[in-house]
Amino acid sequence: MLKSSDEPAATEGWKGLKEIDRAIAENRLTAYTWKKTWADPWGRAAMVTVFTLLAAYVIFVIINDLIL
């Protein structure tokens, strides 16, 4: 039989589902933030610049440490 939500034992089994629900909500917020930033011209320019600089640094480290 189903337990009423007033009982503390009824919500103990749902702790994991609450964590999953929270993670899904945070993922939606993150996805919304990325889409909003990509839609903004200045935000897009900043993202492209940051990722380009990051890629350039990674390439520099690979070339400098592994090849030279």
Protein backbone atom coordinates (compact mmCIF):
# COMPACT_ATOMS: atom_id res chain seq x y z
CA MET A 1 0.00 0.00 0.00
CA LEU A 2 1.22 3.53 -0.69
CA LYS A 3 2.46 5.60 2.19
CA SER A 4 1.29 9.14 2.68
CA SER A 5 3.80 11.90 2.06
CA ASP A 6 3.44 13.04 5.67
CA GLU A 7 5.40 10.04 6.88
CA PRO A 8 9.18 10.55 6.98
CA ALA A 9 9.79 6.98 5.76
CA ALA A 10 7.86 7.72 2.57
CA THR A 11 10.41 10.25 1.33
CA GLU A 12 13.57 8.40 2.37
CA GLY A 13 13.54 6.20 -0.73
CA TRP A 14 13.29 9.21 -3.04
CA LYS A 15 16.59 10.90 -2.11
CA GLY A 16 18.35 9.52 -5.17
CA LEU A 17 15.56 10.66 -7.45
CA LYS A 18 15.74 14.15 -5.93
CA GLU A 19 19.45 14.25 -6.78
CA ILE A 20 18.72 13.14 -10.34
CA ASP A 21 16.00 15.78 -10.66
CA ARG A 22 18.43 18.44 -9.40
CA ALA A 23 21.10 17.32 -11.88
CA ILE A 24 18.62 17.48 -14.76
CA ALA A 25 17.55 20.98 -13.71
CA GLU A 26 21.18 22.13 -13.52
CA ASN A 27 21.89 20.59 -16.93
CA ARG A 28 18.94 22.47 -18.43
CA LEU A 29 20.18 25.71 -16.90
CA THR A 30 23.68 25.11 -18.27
CA ALA A 31 22.35 24.28 -21.73
CA TYR A 32 20.19 27.42 -21.68
CA THR A 33 23.19 29.53 -20.67
CA TRP A 34 25.34 28.13 -23.49
CA LYS A 35 22.57 28.70 -26.06
CA LYS A 36 21.96 32.23 -24.79
CA THR A 37 25.68 33.04 -24.93
CA TRP A 38 25.97 31.61 -28.45
CA ALA A 39 23.02 33.74 -29.62
CA ASP A 40 24.69 36.95 -28.39
CA PRO A 41 27.26 38.26 -30.93
CA TRP A 42 29.69 39.43 -28.23
CA GLY A 43 29.23 36.22 -26.29
CA ARG A 44 29.89 34.16 -29.40
CA ALA A 45 33.04 36.16 -30.13
CA ALA A 46 34.23 35.65 -26.56
CA MET A 47 33.56 31.90 -26.69
CA VAL A 48 35.34 31.49 -30.01
CA THR A 49 38.30 33.53 -28.72
CA VAL A 50 38.58 31.57 -25.48
CA PHE A 51 38.34 28.19 -27.20
CA THR A 52 40.84 29.28 -29.88
CA LEU A 53 43.32 30.40 -27.23
CA LEU A 54 42.80 27.17 -25.29
CA ALA A 55 43.36 25.07 -28.43
CA ALA A 56 46.46 27.11 -29.30
CA TYR A 57 47.86 26.53 -25.80
CA VAL A 58 47.21 22.79 -25.98
CA ILE A 59 48.89 22.59 -29.40
CA PHE A 60 51.84 24.61 -28.07
CA VAL A 61 52.27 22.27 -25.09
CA ILE A 62 52.07 19.18 -27.29
CA ILE A 63 54.62 20.55 -29.75
CA ASN A 64 56.95 21.93 -27.09
CA ASP A 65 56.95 18.92 -24.77
CA LEU A 66 56.48 15.94 -27.03
CA ILE A 67 58.05 16.91 -30.31
CA LEU A 68 60.87 19.31 -29.38
